[in-house]
Amino acid sequence: MYVLKAIFLGTSAATPKPKGALPAIYLEHDGLGILMDVGEGTQFQLMKAKIGFSKIKVVVVSHMHGDHVLGLPGLIQTMAMASRKEKLIIIGPRDLKDFLVEAFKLTKFWPPFDIFFYPSPTSVRIKNVEISTFPVKHTIEAYGTKVVVRFKKKVLVEELEREGLPKTLWGRLQRGERVVWNGRPFEPERYTWEPEPLKVVYSGDTAPCERLIGEAKGADLLIHEATFTSDMEEEAHERGHSTARDSATVASKANVKALVMTHFSNRYESLDKHLEEARRVFPNSFVAEDLTKFLVLRRALRPS
């Protein structure tokens, strides 16, 4: 069973409210923690969710609007005060690096651990996890995020047992090597198969966007902003945002397995209308609340 965990730390747009912190989403697979956006108050939400700051290996910032980035300098300083030594990877718009450097200068602080900055759009691979960013449609430079978890090739056990190939040689096939045993060749393409990767895509802030549909094709989970309901569609698009119906349309066109909506305007006390209009377009739609947890599960099933 393969598992990727998503925890929604903050689900409000622009300004916080008592039950809605500013944008931040935590993904974790096999001990690798990825924090996508860091609104003010993210540190408190991490503590509420019982997520240790040391688990965060990568931070991805979608764009430079304050509700998505102002929590990052404080988070880095807290990591330093907790004696962090491990490097931190940060991905985001080019201006993000200047923002952090100026914040460190003005607060007379410099992190005692290495920070590796990758300007978007980019792709970074850590072991079997690939994190990439791509442009979306907002009022300023902004990026969506795609996280793909790839898995080791598996051998066709029954066929290799029938052929009599010693198990000590199976690992070479898994690594893609051709094996010759008793004068017989064993090709990795014939005796191995690769499990389908897990894919999670996060829209960041965006109006409806064809690029996002392409990147999200077949995703296990699409996390899409739904700032407004469809009665405010014109205003949403003018501000570079999406409605619940927009997000469901993206999910449907991309043929994803599940949609979770987030980034809700504070004008909404209830999200029932968001859910209703989204499910009319894409039935497997959900709304996130602060500290909502979703698990992406996958069994390693051999393709027929």
Protein backbone atom coordinates (compact mmCIF):
# COMPACT_ATOMS: atom_id res chain seq x y z
CA MET A 1 0.00 0.00 0.00
CA TYR A 2 1.40 3.42 -1.00
CA VAL A 3 0.40 6.45 1.05
CA LEU A 4 0.68 10.20 0.62
CA LYS A 5 -0.83 12.40 3.33
CA ALA A 6 -2.23 15.90 2.83
CA ILE A 7 -3.08 18.13 5.80
CA PHE A 8 -4.80 21.48 5.20
CA LEU A 9 -3.32 23.86 7.75
CA GLY A 10 -5.05 27.00 6.49
CA THR A 11 -7.99 27.32 4.10
CA SER A 12 -8.98 31.00 4.12
CA ALA A 13 -8.23 33.55 1.42
CA ALA A 14 -6.59 36.97 2.00
CA THR A 15 -7.33 37.39 5.72
CA PRO A 16 -7.67 34.90 8.57
CA LYS A 17 -10.80 34.21 10.56
CA PRO A 18 -11.34 32.32 13.83
CA LYS A 19 -11.90 28.99 12.07
CA GLY A 20 -9.88 29.69 8.94
CA ALA A 21 -6.13 30.25 8.96
CA LEU A 22 -4.21 31.56 5.97
CA PRO A 23 -3.09 29.25 3.15
CA ALA A 24 -0.75 26.39 3.99
CA ILE A 25 -0.90 22.74 2.95
CA TYR A 26 1.40 20.00 4.23
CA LEU A 27 2.16 16.88 2.18
CA GLU A 28 4.12 13.92 3.49
CA HIS A 29 5.36 10.70 1.94
CA ASP A 30 7.78 8.31 3.59
CA GLY A 31 9.13 10.96 5.98
CA LEU A 32 9.52 13.67 3.32
CA GLY A 33 7.49 16.73 4.36
CA ILE A 34 6.52 19.35 1.76
CA LEU A 35 4.90 22.61 2.84
CA MET A 36 3.00 24.41 0.10
CA ASP A 37 2.46 28.12 0.91
CA VAL A 38 3.15 29.65 4.31
CA GLY A 39 0.58 32.20 5.42
CA GLU A 40 0.86 34.03 8.74
CA GLY A 41 0.08 31.68 11.61
CA THR A 42 1.31 28.55 9.84
CA GLN A 43 3.59 27.75 12.77
CA PHE A 44 0.60 27.57 15.12
CA GLN A 45 -1.29 25.36 12.67
CA LEU A 46 1.69 23.01 12.37
CA MET A 47 1.72 22.67 16.15
CA LYS A 48 -2.03 22.04 16.26
CA ALA A 49 -1.59 19.31 13.66
CA LYS A 50 1.32 17.85 15.66
CA ILE A 51 3.70 18.18 12.71
CA GLY A 52 7.30 18.61 13.79
CA PHE A 53 9.03 21.48 12.01
CA SER A 54 12.03 19.23 11.34
CA LYS A 55 9.83 17.08 9.08
CA ILE A 56 9.62 19.90 6.56
CA LYS A 57 12.28 19.30 3.92
CA VAL A 58 10.80 21.42 1.12
CA VAL A 59 8.80 24.67 1.09
CA VAL A 60 6.99 25.71 -2.09
CA VAL A 61 5.53 29.23 -2.35
CA SER A 62 3.00 29.73 -5.13
CA HIS A 63 3.25 33.53 -5.39
CA MET A 64 4.26 36.65 -3.50
CA HIS A 65 0.91 37.82 -2.13
CA GLY A 66 1.24 38.24 1.61
CA ASP A 67 -1.34 35.65 2.65
CA HIS A 68 0.81 32.96 1.02
CA VAL A 69 4.31 34.01 2.11
CA LEU A 70 4.43 36.17 5.24
CA GLY A 71 4.70 33.19 7.56
CA LEU A 72 7.93 31.93 5.99
CA PRO A 73 10.58 34.16 7.66
CA GLY A 74 9.22 33.34 11.10
CA LEU A 75 9.08 29.63 10.35
CA ILE A 76 12.72 29.64 9.24
CA GLN A 77 13.77 31.48 12.39
CA THR A 78 11.92 28.97 14.58
CA MET A 79 13.66 26.14 12.75
CA ALA A 80 16.98 27.80 13.55
CA MET A 81 16.11 28.25 17.22
CA ALA A 82 15.27 24.54 17.33
CA SER A 83 18.89 23.84 16.27
CA ARG A 84 18.07 22.66 12.79
CA LYS A 85 21.17 21.58 10.85
CA GLU A 86 19.55 19.87 7.88
CA LYS A 87 19.29 21.81 4.64
CA LEU A 88 15.98 23.33 3.56
CA ILE A 89 14.86 23.47 -0.06
CA ILE A 90 12.72 26.47 -1.02
CA ILE A 91 10.93 26.80 -4.36
CA GLY A 92 9.13 29.93 -5.46
CA PRO A 93 9.09 33.10 -7.58
CA ARG A 94 12.46 34.80 -8.05
CA ASP A 95 11.40 37.68 -5.77
CA LEU A 96 11.05 35.24 -2.89
CA LYS A 97 14.82 34.98 -2.45
CA ASP A 98 15.20 38.78 -2.21
CA PHE A 99 12.28 38.92 0.23
CA LEU A 100 13.93 36.40 2.55
CA VAL A 101 17.38 37.98 2.34
CA GLU A 102 15.96 41.41 3.22
CA ALA A 103 13.93 39.94 6.08
CA PHE A 104 17.04 38.25 7.47
CA LYS A 105 19.08 41.46 7.15
CA LEU A 106 16.49 43.68 8.83
CA THR A 107 15.85 41.26 11.69
CA LYS A 108 19.60 40.69 12.25
CA PHE A 109 19.18 36.96 11.75
CA TRP A 110 20.75 34.45 9.44
CA PRO A 111 19.81 30.77 9.37
CA PRO A 112 22.55 28.43 10.65
CA PHE A 113 21.56 25.77 8.11
CA ASP A 114 21.82 25.73 4.32
CA ILE A 115 18.92 26.97 2.22
CA PHE A 116 18.81 25.92 -1.42
CA PHE A 117 16.56 28.17 -3.49
CA TYR A 118 15.06 27.10 -6.82
CA PRO A 119 13.22 29.78 -8.80
CA SER A 120 9.95 28.73 -10.41
CA PRO A 121 9.19 27.26 -12.85
CA THR A 122 11.43 24.35 -11.93
CA SER A 123 11.60 20.67 -11.10
CA VAL A 124 13.39 19.14 -8.12
CA ARG A 125 13.75 15.44 -7.40
CA ILE A 126 14.37 14.04 -3.92
CA LYS A 127 14.79 10.26 -3.98
CA ASN A 128 11.60 9.01 -5.63
CA VAL A 129 9.61 12.25 -5.27
CA GLU A 130 9.54 14.88 -8.01
CA ILE A 131 8.29 18.37 -7.16
CA SER A 132 7.67 20.68 -10.10
CA THR A 133 6.10 24.10 -10.52
CA PHE A 134 4.34 25.56 -13.54
CA PRO A 135 2.75 28.94 -14.37
CA VAL A 136 -0.93 29.56 -13.68
CA LYS A 137 -3.26 32.51 -14.27
CA HIS A 138 -3.30 35.07 -11.45
CA THR A 139 -2.90 38.85 -11.16
CA ILE A 140 0.83 38.48 -10.51
CA GLU A 141 3.46 35.86 -11.31
CA ALA A 142 2.07 32.65 -9.82
CA TYR A 143 2.67 28.92 -10.00
CA GLY A 144 0.91 25.66 -9.40
CA THR A 145 2.70 22.69 -7.88
CA LYS A 146 2.80 19.05 -8.97
CA VAL A 147 4.13 16.32 -6.69
CA VAL A 148 4.76 12.93 -8.28
CA VAL A 149 5.85 9.90 -6.24
CA ARG A 150 7.43 7.15 -8.34
CA PHE A 151 7.98 3.63 -7.11
CA LYS A 152 10.59 0.94 -7.69
CA LYS A 153 10.04 -1.53 -10.47
CA LYS A 154 8.67 -4.88 -9.38
CA VAL A 155 9.56 -8.26 -10.79
CA LEU A 156 7.04 -10.72 -12.20
CA VAL A 157 7.53 -13.22 -9.40
CA GLU A 158 5.55 -16.16 -10.80
CA GLU A 159 7.24 -15.97 -14.20
CA LEU A 160 10.75 -15.73 -12.74
CA GLU A 161 10.07 -18.63 -10.40
CA ARG A 162 8.79 -20.66 -13.34
CA GLU A 163 11.90 -19.77 -15.36
CA GLY A 164 14.08 -20.75 -12.39
CA LEU A 165 16.12 -17.53 -12.24
CA PRO A 166 17.82 -17.36 -8.82
CA LYS A 167 16.37 -14.68 -6.54
CA THR A 168 19.86 -13.27 -6.03
CA LEU A 169 19.66 -11.95 -9.61
CA TRP A 170 16.18 -10.40 -9.39
CA GLY A 171 17.51 -7.14 -7.99
CA ARG A 172 19.55 -6.56 -11.14
CA LEU A 173 16.40 -6.81 -13.24
CA GLN A 174 14.69 -4.31 -10.91
CA ARG A 175 17.57 -1.90 -11.52
CA GLY A 176 16.99 -2.20 -15.27
CA GLU A 177 19.97 -4.45 -15.97
CA ARG A 178 19.97 -7.29 -18.49
CA VAL A 179 20.73 -10.63 -16.85
CA VAL A 180 22.26 -13.70 -18.54
CA TRP A 181 21.87 -16.98 -16.62
CA ASN A 182 22.70 -20.46 -17.92
CA GLY A 183 23.22 -18.90 -21.32
CA ARG A 184 19.72 -17.41 -21.36
CA PRO A 185 19.09 -13.65 -21.49
CA PHE A 186 16.52 -12.06 -19.16
CA GLU A 187 15.43 -8.60 -20.27
CA PRO A 188 14.14 -6.19 -17.59
CA GLU A 189 11.38 -5.00 -19.94
CA ARG A 190 10.02 -8.56 -20.08
CA TYR A 191 10.21 -9.51 -16.42
CA THR A 192 9.53 -6.27 -14.50
CA TRP A 193 6.71 -3.74 -14.24
CA GLU A 194 6.46 -0.27 -12.73
CA PRO A 195 3.61 0.68 -10.37
CA GLU A 196 1.62 3.72 -11.42
CA PRO A 197 2.99 6.85 -9.67
CA LEU A 198 1.00 8.88 -7.17
CA LYS A 199 0.26 12.44 -8.27
CA VAL A 200 -1.02 15.44 -6.32
CA VAL A 201 -1.51 18.84 -7.96
CA TYR A 202 -2.06 22.15 -6.15
CA SER A 203 -3.40 25.11 -8.11
CA GLY A 204 -2.15 27.95 -5.93
CA ASP A 205 -4.17 31.10 -6.73
CA THR A 206 -5.51 31.00 -10.27
CA ALA A 207 -8.37 31.73 -12.60
CA PRO A 208 -9.41 28.80 -14.82
CA CYS A 209 -6.24 27.68 -16.59
CA GLU A 210 -5.58 25.23 -19.43
CA ARG A 211 -2.01 24.63 -18.23
CA LEU A 212 -3.35 23.43 -14.90
CA ILE A 213 -5.71 20.99 -16.60
CA GLY A 214 -2.78 19.53 -18.52
CA GLU A 215 -0.56 19.18 -15.45
CA ALA A 216 -3.37 17.60 -13.41
CA LYS A 217 -4.26 14.90 -15.98
CA GLY A 218 -5.10 11.70 -14.12
CA ALA A 219 -3.99 13.04 -10.71
CA ASP A 220 -4.94 11.11 -7.60
CA LEU A 221 -5.74 14.39 -5.87
CA LEU A 222 -6.32 17.89 -7.21
CA ILE A 223 -6.19 20.69 -4.62
CA HIS A 224 -7.82 23.69 -6.26
CA GLU A 225 -8.68 27.12 -4.99
CA ALA A 226 -12.40 27.97 -4.92
CA THR A 227 -12.41 31.50 -3.56
CA PHE A 228 -15.99 32.22 -4.64
CA THR A 229 -19.21 30.55 -5.73
CA SER A 230 -20.39 30.85 -9.32
CA ASP A 231 -22.69 33.84 -8.69
CA MET A 232 -19.43 35.84 -8.40
CA GLU A 233 -17.74 34.33 -11.42
CA GLU A 234 -16.93 37.62 -13.18
CA GLU A 235 -15.32 39.13 -10.07
CA ALA A 236 -13.46 35.90 -9.41
CA HIS A 237 -11.87 35.87 -12.85
CA GLU A 238 -11.03 39.58 -12.72
CA ARG A 239 -9.14 38.95 -9.48
CA GLY A 240 -7.35 35.89 -10.85
CA HIS A 241 -9.41 33.42 -8.84
CA SER A 242 -11.77 30.52 -9.45
CA THR A 243 -15.24 29.54 -8.37
CA ALA A 244 -16.24 26.16 -6.99
CA ARG A 245 -17.76 25.32 -10.37
CA ASP A 246 -14.51 26.33 -12.09
CA SER A 247 -12.47 24.02 -9.89
CA ALA A 248 -14.86 21.12 -10.51
CA THR A 249 -14.69 21.76 -14.25
CA VAL A 250 -10.88 21.56 -14.11
CA ALA A 251 -11.15 18.31 -12.13
CA SER A 252 -13.57 16.86 -14.67
CA LYS A 253 -11.51 17.87 -17.72
CA ALA A 254 -8.32 16.54 -16.12
CA ASN A 255 -10.04 13.28 -15.14
CA VAL A 256 -8.61 13.36 -11.62
CA LYS A 257 -9.67 10.88 -8.96
CA ALA A 258 -10.63 13.43 -6.29
CA LEU A 259 -10.94 17.21 -5.89
CA VAL A 260 -10.43 19.09 -2.64
CA MET A 261 -11.30 22.80 -2.69
CA THR A 262 -9.61 25.40 -0.49
CA HIS A 263 -8.84 29.16 -0.27
CA PHE A 264 -12.32 30.41 0.57
CA SER A 265 -13.33 34.06 0.81
CA ASN A 266 -14.26 35.18 4.30
CA ARG A 267 -17.68 36.27 3.07
CA TYR A 268 -18.84 32.65 3.32
CA GLU A 269 -19.96 31.37 6.70
CA SER A 270 -20.96 28.05 5.16
CA LEU A 271 -19.30 26.11 2.34
CA ASP A 272 -22.41 24.11 1.49
CA LYS A 273 -22.98 26.03 -1.72
CA HIS A 274 -19.37 25.46 -2.83
CA LEU A 275 -19.82 21.73 -2.33
CA GLU A 276 -23.22 21.62 -4.00
CA GLU A 277 -22.18 23.41 -7.18
CA ALA A 278 -18.90 21.49 -7.45
CA ARG A 279 -20.56 18.09 -7.09
CA ARG A 280 -23.02 18.91 -9.84
CA VAL A 281 -20.00 18.99 -12.18
CA PHE A 282 -17.60 16.58 -10.47
CA PRO A 283 -19.20 14.26 -7.88
CA ASN A 284 -15.99 13.31 -6.04
CA SER A 285 -15.49 16.87 -4.75
CA PHE A 286 -14.77 17.91 -1.17
CA VAL A 287 -14.21 21.12 0.78
CA ALA A 288 -11.26 21.41 3.13
CA GLU A 289 -11.49 22.90 6.60
CA ASP A 290 -8.50 23.77 8.75
CA LEU A 291 -6.65 20.63 9.88
CA THR A 292 -8.60 18.39 7.49
CA LYS A 293 -6.48 15.36 6.56
CA PHE A 294 -6.70 13.41 3.30
CA LEU A 295 -4.86 10.17 2.55
CA VAL A 296 -4.01 9.06 -0.98
CA LEU A 297 -3.83 5.27 -0.95
CA ARG A 298 -2.75 2.95 -3.72
CA ARG A 299 -2.21 -0.78 -3.88
CA ALA A 300 0.57 -2.04 -6.15
CA LEU A 301 -1.56 -3.80 -8.73
CA ARG A 302 0.09 -5.29 -11.77
CA PRO A 303 -1.42 -3.92 -15.00
CA SER A 304 -3.53 -6.53 -16.79
